[in-house]
């Protein structure tokens, strides 16, 4: 029973610490004439924008790529294309 209380206290302390840290800034780590890739430092997901079509894609390392969807389930293709920025 003691180990359960110690574990619970450790989890509560860790979650309080995790909520108090500032979120990491995104950086643009990859760029080409057609695509730009934005990454975050705190999670392993990247967002790539196709500036020819305006569509955005989510890339999870080792997991694959999927189009970024709006709340209604359609692809998010509202990104500015080259020349409109």
PDB file of N, CA and C in Angstrom:
ATOM      1  N   UNK A   1       0.819  -1.190   0.000  1.00  0.00           N
ATOM      2  CA  UNK A   1       0.000   0.000   0.000  1.00  0.00           C
ATOM      3  C   UNK A   1       0.868   1.261   0.000  1.00  0.00           C
ATOM      4  N   UNK A   2       2.012   1.198   0.722  1.00  0.00           N
ATOM      5  CA  UNK A   2       2.890   2.366   0.765  1.00  0.00           C
ATOM      6  C   UNK A   2       3.450   2.685  -0.616  1.00  0.00           C
ATOM      7  N   UNK A   3       3.825   1.656  -1.370  1.00  0.00           N
ATOM      8  CA  UNK A   3       4.408   1.902  -2.690  1.00  0.00           C
ATOM      9  C   UNK A   3       3.386   2.535  -3.621  1.00  0.00           C
ATOM     10  N   UNK A   4       2.102   2.204  -3.432  1.00  0.00           N
ATOM     11  CA  UNK A   4       1.056   2.810  -4.254  1.00  0.00           C
ATOM     12  C   UNK A   4       0.931   4.303  -3.950  1.00  0.00           C
ATOM     13  N   UNK A   5       0.994   4.658  -2.666  1.00  0.00           N
ATOM     14  CA  UNK A   5       0.928   6.070  -2.291  1.00  0.00           C
ATOM     15  C   UNK A   5       2.152   6.836  -2.784  1.00  0.00           C
ATOM     16  N   UNK A   6       3.318   6.223  -2.696  1.00  0.00           N
ATOM     17  CA  UNK A   6       4.542   6.864  -3.187  1.00  0.00           C
ATOM     18  C   UNK A   6       4.461   7.061  -4.694  1.00  0.00           C
ATOM     19  N   UNK A   7       3.984   6.055  -5.402  1.00  0.00           N
ATOM     20  CA  UNK A   7       3.837   6.162  -6.852  1.00  0.00           C
ATOM     21  C   UNK A   7       2.840   7.247  -7.227  1.00  0.00           C
ATOM     22  N   UNK A   8       1.716   7.305  -6.518  1.00  0.00           N
ATOM     23  CA  UNK A   8       0.711   8.333  -6.780  1.00  0.00           C
ATOM     24  C   UNK A   8       1.274   9.730  -6.525  1.00  0.00           C
ATOM     25  N   UNK A   9       2.014   9.898  -5.441  1.00  0.00           N
ATOM     26  CA  UNK A   9       2.619  11.199  -5.133  1.00  0.00           C
ATOM     27  C   UNK A   9       3.638  11.595  -6.195  1.00  0.00           C
ATOM     28  N   UNK A  10       4.407  10.630  -6.681  1.00  0.00           N
ATOM     29  CA  UNK A  10       5.391  10.923  -7.725  1.00  0.00           C
ATOM     30  C   UNK A  10       4.704  11.340  -9.019  1.00  0.00           C
ATOM     31  N   UNK A  11       3.621  10.668  -9.376  1.00  0.00           N
ATOM     32  CA  UNK A  11       2.894  11.027 -10.597  1.00  0.00           C
ATOM     33  C   UNK A  11       2.263  12.410 -10.495  1.00  0.00           C
ATOM     34  N   UNK A  12       1.703  12.736  -9.342  1.00  0.00           N
ATOM     35  CA  UNK A  12       1.110  14.065  -9.149  1.00  0.00           C
ATOM     36  C   UNK A  12       2.190  15.138  -9.235  1.00  0.00           C
ATOM     37  N   UNK A  13       3.333  14.889  -8.623  1.00  0.00           N
ATOM     38  CA  UNK A  13       4.434  15.852  -8.689  1.00  0.00           C
ATOM     39  C   UNK A  13       4.947  16.043 -10.097  1.00  0.00           C
ATOM     40  N   UNK A  14       5.068  14.952 -10.835  1.00  0.00           N
ATOM     41  CA  UNK A  14       5.536  15.046 -12.219  1.00  0.00           C
ATOM     42  C   UNK A  14       4.532  15.785 -13.087  1.00  0.00           C
ATOM     43  N   UNK A  15       3.235  15.514 -12.913  1.00  0.00           N
ATOM     44  CA  UNK A  15       2.239  16.190 -13.741  1.00  0.00           C
ATOM     45  C   UNK A  15       2.185  17.678 -13.423  1.00  0.00           C
ATOM     46  N   UNK A  16       2.373  18.052 -12.171  1.00  0.00           N
ATOM     47  CA  UNK A  16       2.408  19.475 -11.821  1.00  0.00           C
ATOM     48  C   UNK A  16       3.611  20.148 -12.456  1.00  0.00           C
ATOM     49  N   UNK A  17       4.745  19.459 -12.487  1.00  0.00           N
ATOM     50  CA  UNK A  17       5.941  20.009 -13.124  1.00  0.00           C
ATOM     51  C   UNK A  17       5.742  20.133 -14.630  1.00  0.00           C
ATOM     52  N   UNK A  18       5.122  19.151 -15.250  1.00  0.00           N
ATOM     53  CA  UNK A  18       4.923  19.166 -16.699  1.00  0.00           C
ATOM     54  C   UNK A  18       3.993  20.296 -17.115  1.00  0.00           C
ATOM     55  N   UNK A  19       3.009  20.631 -16.287  1.00  0.00           N
ATOM     56  CA  UNK A  19       2.087  21.705 -16.622  1.00  0.00           C
ATOM     57  C   UNK A  19       2.713  23.077 -16.437  1.00  0.00           C
ATOM     58  N   UNK A  20       3.724  23.184 -15.594  1.00  0.00           N
ATOM     59  CA  UNK A  20       4.313  24.493 -15.321  1.00  0.00           C
ATOM     60  C   UNK A  20       5.420  24.868 -16.299  1.00  0.00           C
ATOM     61  N   UNK A  21       5.876  23.945 -17.129  1.00  0.00           N
ATOM     62  CA  UNK A  21       6.940  24.271 -18.070  1.00  0.00           C
ATOM     63  C   UNK A  21       6.366  24.980 -19.281  1.00  0.00           C
ATOM     64  N   UNK A  22       7.160  25.851 -19.863  1.00  0.00           N
ATOM     65  CA  UNK A  22       6.729  26.579 -21.044  1.00  0.00           C
ATOM     66  C   UNK A  22       6.789  25.669 -22.260  1.00  0.00           C
ATOM     67  N   UNK A  23       5.825  25.815 -23.193  1.00  0.00           N
ATOM     68  CA  UNK A  23       5.879  24.986 -24.401  1.00  0.00           C
ATOM     69  C   UNK A  23       7.067  25.380 -25.269  1.00  0.00           C
ATOM     70  N   UNK A  24       7.604  24.427 -25.971  1.00  0.00           N
ATOM     71  CA  UNK A  24       8.747  24.668 -26.850  1.00  0.00           C
ATOM     72  C   UNK A  24       8.286  25.401 -28.104  1.00  0.00           C
ATOM     73  N   UNK A  25       9.162  26.199 -28.642  1.00  0.00           N
ATOM     74  CA  UNK A  25       8.875  26.928 -29.863  1.00  0.00           C
ATOM     75  C   UNK A  25       9.037  26.022 -31.071  1.00  0.00           C
ATOM     76  N   UNK A  26       8.259  26.295 -32.114  1.00  0.00           N
ATOM     77  CA  UNK A  26       8.405  25.523 -33.336  1.00  0.00           C
ATOM     78  C   UNK A  26       9.523  26.119 -34.171  1.00  0.00           C
ATOM     79  N   UNK A  27      10.193  25.279 -34.919  1.00  0.00           N
ATOM     80  CA  UNK A  27      11.257  25.734 -35.792  1.00  0.00           C
ATOM     81  C   UNK A  27      11.024  25.180 -37.180  1.00  0.00           C
ATOM     82  N   UNK A  28      11.461  25.912 -38.163  1.00  0.00           N
ATOM     83  CA  UNK A  28      11.354  25.455 -39.536  1.00  0.00           C
ATOM     84  C   UNK A  28      12.671  24.779 -39.882  1.00  0.00           C
ATOM     85  N   UNK A  29      12.672  23.433 -39.866  1.00  0.00           N
ATOM     86  CA  UNK A  29      13.919  22.699 -40.029  1.00  0.00           C
ATOM     87  C   UNK A  29      14.161  22.238 -41.455  1.00  0.00           C
ATOM     88  N   UNK A  30      13.188  22.357 -42.326  1.00  0.00           N
ATOM     89  CA  UNK A  30      13.322  21.823 -43.674  1.00  0.00           C
ATOM     90  C   UNK A  30      12.593  22.770 -44.608  1.00  0.00           C
ATOM     91  N   UNK A  31      13.191  23.075 -45.721  1.00  0.00           N
ATOM     92  CA  UNK A  31      12.543  23.964 -46.671  1.00  0.00           C
ATOM     93  C   UNK A  31      12.987  23.611 -48.077  1.00  0.00           C
ATOM     94  N   UNK A  32      12.040  23.625 -48.988  1.00  0.00           N
ATOM     95  CA  UNK A  32      12.318  23.430 -50.400  1.00  0.00           C
ATOM     96  C   UNK A  32      11.412  24.388 -51.150  1.00  0.00           C
ATOM     97  N   UNK A  33      11.562  24.504 -52.462  1.00  0.00           N
ATOM     98  CA  UNK A  33      10.696  25.425 -53.194  1.00  0.00           C
ATOM     99  C   UNK A  33       9.208  25.087 -53.066  1.00  0.00           C
ATOM    100  N   UNK A  34       8.887  23.815 -52.904  1.00  0.00           N
ATOM    101  CA  UNK A  34       7.481  23.417 -52.847  1.00  0.00           C
ATOM    102  C   UNK A  34       6.991  23.152 -51.428  1.00  0.00           C
ATOM    103  N   UNK A  35       7.843  22.598 -50.573  1.00  0.00           N
ATOM    104  CA  UNK A  35       7.427  22.173 -49.240  1.00  0.00           C
ATOM    105  C   UNK A  35       8.175  22.933 -48.154  1.00  0.00           C
ATOM    106  N   UNK A  36       7.485  23.170 -47.034  1.00  0.00           N
ATOM    107  CA  UNK A  36       8.141  23.619 -45.809  1.00  0.00           C
ATOM    108  C   UNK A  36       7.719  22.670 -44.702  1.00  0.00           C
ATOM    109  N   UNK A  37       8.633  22.399 -43.782  1.00  0.00           N
ATOM    110  CA  UNK A  37       8.354  21.477 -42.678  1.00  0.00           C
ATOM    111  C   UNK A  37       8.598  22.193 -41.369  1.00  0.00           C
ATOM    112  N   UNK A  38       7.583  22.214 -40.519  1.00  0.00           N
ATOM    113  CA  UNK A  38       7.686  22.812 -39.192  1.00  0.00           C
ATOM    114  C   UNK A  38       7.717  21.692 -38.169  1.00  0.00           C
ATOM    115  N   UNK A  39       8.651  21.783 -37.240  1.00  0.00           N
ATOM    116  CA  UNK A  39       8.787  20.754 -36.210  1.00  0.00           C
ATOM    117  C   UNK A  39       8.649  21.389 -34.839  1.00  0.00           C
ATOM    118  N   UNK A  40       8.333  20.566 -33.860  1.00  0.00           N
ATOM    119  CA  UNK A  40       8.309  21.010 -32.474  1.00  0.00           C
ATOM    120  C   UNK A  40       9.355  20.218 -31.712  1.00  0.00           C
ATOM    121  N   UNK A  41       9.872  20.802 -30.655  1.00  0.00           N
ATOM    122  CA  UNK A  41      10.918  20.143 -29.881  1.00  0.00           C
ATOM    123  C   UNK A  41      10.353  19.194 -28.836  1.00  0.00           C
ATOM    124  N   UNK A  42       9.112  19.411 -28.402  1.00  0.00           N
ATOM    125  CA  UNK A  42       8.594  18.618 -27.296  1.00  0.00           C
ATOM    126  C   UNK A  42       7.863  17.351 -27.724  1.00  0.00           C
ATOM    127  N   UNK A  43       7.363  17.277 -28.952  1.00  0.00           N
ATOM    128  CA  UNK A  43       6.727  16.048 -29.435  1.00  0.00           C
ATOM    129  C   UNK A  43       7.350  15.670 -30.764  1.00  0.00           C
ATOM    130  N   UNK A  44       7.172  14.443 -31.161  1.00  0.00           N
ATOM    131  CA  UNK A  44       7.845  13.913 -32.341  1.00  0.00           C
ATOM    132  C   UNK A  44       6.929  13.941 -33.563  1.00  0.00           C
ATOM    133  N   UNK A  45       6.222  15.053 -33.773  1.00  0.00           N
ATOM    134  CA  UNK A  45       5.320  15.200 -34.909  1.00  0.00           C
ATOM    135  C   UNK A  45       5.729  16.443 -35.679  1.00  0.00           C
ATOM    136  N   UNK A  46       5.712  16.345 -37.000  1.00  0.00           N
ATOM    137  CA  UNK A  46       6.064  17.471 -37.854  1.00  0.00           C
ATOM    138  C   UNK A  46       4.878  17.796 -38.751  1.00  0.00           C
ATOM    139  N   UNK A  47       4.768  19.064 -39.154  1.00  0.00           N
ATOM    140  CA  UNK A  47       3.734  19.468 -40.093  1.00  0.00           C
ATOM    141  C   UNK A  47       4.422  19.962 -41.359  1.00  0.00           C
ATOM    142  N   UNK A  48       4.071  19.376 -42.482  1.00  0.00           N
ATOM    143  CA  UNK A  48       4.651  19.764 -43.757  1.00  0.00           C
ATOM    144  C   UNK A  48       3.564  20.434 -44.592  1.00  0.00           C
ATOM    145  N   UNK A  49       3.915  21.548 -45.224  1.00  0.00           N
ATOM    146  CA  UNK A  49       2.977  22.294 -46.052  1.00  0.00           C
ATOM    147  C   UNK A  49       3.413  22.211 -47.497  1.00  0.00           C
ATOM    148  N   UNK A  50       2.484  21.827 -48.360  1.00  0.00           N
ATOM    149  CA  UNK A  50       2.713  21.792 -49.802  1.00  0.00           C
ATOM    150  C   UNK A  50       2.228  23.128 -50.348  1.00  0.00           C
ATOM    151  N   UNK A  51       3.154  23.990 -50.752  1.00  0.00           N
ATOM    152  CA  UNK A  51       2.775  25.331 -51.190  1.00  0.00           C
ATOM    153  C   UNK A  51       2.245  25.359 -52.615  1.00  0.00           C
ATOM    154  N   UNK A  52       2.319  24.259 -53.323  1.00  0.00           N
ATOM    155  CA  UNK A  52       1.732  24.210 -54.660  1.00  0.00           C
ATOM    156  C   UNK A  52       0.229  23.959 -54.565  1.00  0.00           C
ATOM    157  N   UNK A  53      -0.182  23.083 -53.653  1.00  0.00           N
ATOM    158  CA  UNK A  53      -1.604  22.774 -53.495  1.00  0.00           C
ATOM    159  C   UNK A  53      -2.226  23.470 -52.298  1.00  0.00           C
ATOM    160  N   UNK A  54      -1.408  23.909 -51.335  1.00  0.00           N
ATOM    161  CA  UNK A  54      -1.915  24.529 -50.122  1.00  0.00           C
ATOM    162  C   UNK A  54      -2.299  23.536 -49.045  1.00  0.00           C
ATOM    163  N   UNK A  55      -2.083  22.251 -49.266  1.00  0.00           N
ATOM    164  CA  UNK A  55      -2.458  21.219 -48.292  1.00  0.00           C
ATOM    165  C   UNK A  55      -1.375  21.044 -47.236  1.00  0.00           C
ATOM    166  N   UNK A  56      -1.811  20.659 -46.035  1.00  0.00           N
ATOM    167  CA  UNK A  56      -0.898  20.409 -44.919  1.00  0.00           C
ATOM    168  C   UNK A  56      -0.956  18.930 -44.554  1.00  0.00           C
ATOM    169  N   UNK A  57       0.190  18.404 -44.111  1.00  0.00           N
ATOM    170  CA  UNK A  57       0.308  16.992 -43.760  1.00  0.00           C
ATOM    171  C   UNK A  57       0.994  16.852 -42.415  1.00  0.00           C
ATOM    172  N   UNK A  58       0.574  15.853 -41.634  1.00  0.00           N
ATOM    173  CA  UNK A  58       1.229  15.531 -40.372  1.00  0.00           C
ATOM    174  C   UNK A  58       2.145  14.344 -40.592  1.00  0.00           C
ATOM    175  N   UNK A  59       3.370  14.442 -40.074  1.00  0.00           N
ATOM    176  CA  UNK A  59       4.356  13.376 -40.209  1.00  0.00           C
ATOM    177  C   UNK A  59       4.787  12.969 -38.808  1.00  0.00           C
ATOM    178  N   UNK A  60       4.578  11.696 -38.479  1.00  0.00           N
ATOM    179  CA  UNK A  60       5.053  11.143 -37.211  1.00  0.00           C
ATOM    180  C   UNK A  60       6.229  10.239 -37.535  1.00  0.00           C
ATOM    181  N   UNK A  61       7.383  10.533 -36.924  1.00  0.00           N
ATOM    182  CA  UNK A  61       8.587   9.762 -37.248  1.00  0.00           C
ATOM    183  C   UNK A  61       8.380   8.285 -36.973  1.00  0.00           C
ATOM    184  N   UNK A  62       8.653   7.480 -37.981  1.00  0.00           N
ATOM    185  CA  UNK A  62       8.515   6.046 -37.860  1.00  0.00           C
ATOM    186  C   UNK A  62       7.086   5.556 -37.959  1.00  0.00           C
ATOM    187  N   UNK A  63       6.125   6.458 -38.130  1.00  0.00           N
ATOM    188  CA  UNK A  63       4.719   6.069 -38.161  1.00  0.00           C
ATOM    189  C   UNK A  63       4.066   6.317 -39.514  1.00  0.00           C
ATOM    190  N   UNK A  64       4.471   7.359 -40.234  1.00  0.00           N
ATOM    191  CA  UNK A  64       3.888   7.631 -41.537  1.00  0.00           C
ATOM    192  C   UNK A  64       3.463   9.070 -41.690  1.00  0.00           C
ATOM    193  N   UNK A  65       2.703   9.312 -42.746  1.00  0.00           N
ATOM    194  CA  UNK A  65       2.241  10.654 -43.092  1.00  0.00           C
ATOM    195  C   UNK A  65       0.738  10.596 -43.339  1.00  0.00           C
ATOM    196  N   UNK A  66       0.031  11.638 -42.930  1.00  0.00           N
ATOM    197  CA  UNK A  66      -1.409  11.708 -43.134  1.00  0.00           C
ATOM    198  C   UNK A  66      -1.789  13.157 -43.388  1.00  0.00           C
ATOM    199  N   UNK A  67      -2.819  13.404 -44.203  1.00  0.00           N
ATOM    200  CA  UNK A  67      -3.240  14.789 -44.407  1.00  0.00           C
ATOM    201  C   UNK A  67      -3.836  15.365 -43.122  1.00  0.00           C
ATOM    202  N   UNK A  68      -3.584  16.637 -42.885  1.00  0.00           N
ATOM    203  CA  UNK A  68      -4.182  17.326 -41.748  1.00  0.00           C
ATOM    204  C   UNK A  68      -5.639  17.586 -42.099  1.00  0.00           C
ATOM    205  N   UNK A  69      -6.555  17.167 -41.225  1.00  0.00           N
ATOM    206  CA  UNK A  69      -7.981  17.280 -41.506  1.00  0.00           C
ATOM    207  C   UNK A  69      -8.613  18.380 -40.673  1.00  0.00           C
ATOM    208  N   UNK A  70      -9.637  19.022 -41.258  1.00  0.00           N
ATOM    209  CA  UNK A  70     -10.431  20.003 -40.525  1.00  0.00           C
ATOM    210  C   UNK A  70     -11.406  19.255 -39.620  1.00  0.00           C
ATOM    211  N   UNK A  71     -12.176  19.994 -38.830  1.00  0.00           N
ATOM    212  CA  UNK A  71     -13.119  19.357 -37.912  1.00  0.00           C
ATOM    213  C   UNK A  71     -14.238  18.622 -38.645  1.00  0.00           C
ATOM    214  N   UNK A  72     -14.519  19.001 -39.899  1.00  0.00           N
ATOM    215  CA  UNK A  72     -15.569  18.311 -40.656  1.00  0.00           C
ATOM    216  C   UNK A  72     -15.032  17.117 -41.445  1.00  0.00           C
ATOM    217  N   UNK A  73     -13.734  16.819 -41.336  1.00  0.00           N
ATOM    218  CA  UNK A  73     -13.151  15.640 -41.968  1.00  0.00           C
ATOM    219  C   UNK A  73     -12.556  15.868 -43.342  1.00  0.00           C
ATOM    220  N   UNK A  74     -12.595  17.078 -43.857  1.00  0.00           N
ATOM    221  CA  UNK A  74     -12.006  17.366 -45.160  1.00  0.00           C
ATOM    222  C   UNK A  74     -10.555  17.800 -44.978  1.00  0.00           C
ATOM    223  N   UNK A  75      -9.699  17.580 -45.978  1.00  0.00           N
ATOM    224  CA  UNK A  75      -8.293  17.983 -45.869  1.00  0.00           C
ATOM    225  C   UNK A  75      -8.148  19.499 -45.714  1.00  0.00           C
ATOM    226  N   UNK A  76      -7.182  19.903 -44.915  1.00  0.00           N
ATOM    227  CA  UNK A  76      -6.892  21.321 -44.699  1.00  0.00           C
ATOM    228  C   UNK A  76      -5.959  21.793 -45.806  1.00  0.00           C
ATOM    229  N   UNK A  77      -6.525  22.400 -46.830  1.00  0.00           N
ATOM    230  CA  UNK A  77      -5.750  22.886 -47.977  1.00  0.00           C
ATOM    231  C   UNK A  77      -5.890  24.396 -48.113  1.00  0.00           C
ATOM    232  N   UNK A  78      -5.875  25.102 -46.989  1.00  0.00           N
ATOM    233  CA  UNK A  78      -6.032  26.556 -46.992  1.00  0.00           C
ATOM    234  C   UNK A  78      -4.726  27.298 -46.766  1.00  0.00           C
ATOM    235  N   UNK A  79      -3.607  26.598 -46.784  1.00  0.00           N
ATOM    236  CA  UNK A  79      -2.315  27.257 -46.596  1.00  0.00           C
ATOM    237  C   UNK A  79      -2.022  28.131 -47.812  1.00  0.00           C
ATOM    238  N   UNK A  80      -1.349  29.246 -47.622  1.00  0.00           N
ATOM    239  CA  UNK A  80      -1.021  30.088 -48.775  1.00  0.00           C
ATOM    240  C   UNK A  80      -0.051  29.384 -49.710  1.00  0.00           C
ATOM    241  N   UNK A  81      -0.314  29.491 -50.994  1.00  0.00           N
ATOM    242  CA  UNK A  81       0.602  28.926 -51.980  1.00  0.00           C
ATOM    243  C   UNK A  81       1.714  29.928 -52.231  1.00  0.00           C
ATOM    244  N   UNK A  82       2.782  29.498 -52.877  1.00  0.00           N
ATOM    245  CA  UNK A  82       3.913  30.397 -53.160  1.00  0.00           C
ATOM    246  C   UNK A  82       3.416  31.569 -53.995  1.00  0.00           C
ATOM    247  N   UNK A  83       3.844  32.747 -53.614  1.00  0.00           N
ATOM    248  CA  UNK A  83       3.429  33.950 -54.309  1.00  0.00           C
ATOM    249  C   UNK A  83       2.282  34.651 -53.612  1.00  0.00           C
ATOM    250  N   UNK A  84       1.555  33.966 -52.731  1.00  0.00           N
ATOM    251  CA  UNK A  84       0.454  34.573 -51.993  1.00  0.00           C
ATOM    252  C   UNK A  84       0.862  34.985 -50.591  1.00  0.00           C
ATOM    253  N   UNK A  85       2.069  34.632 -50.166  1.00  0.00           N
ATOM    254  CA  UNK A  85       2.478  34.896 -48.787  1.00  0.00           C
ATOM    255  C   UNK A  85       2.748  36.327 -48.574  1.00  0.00           C
TER     256      UNK A  85
END
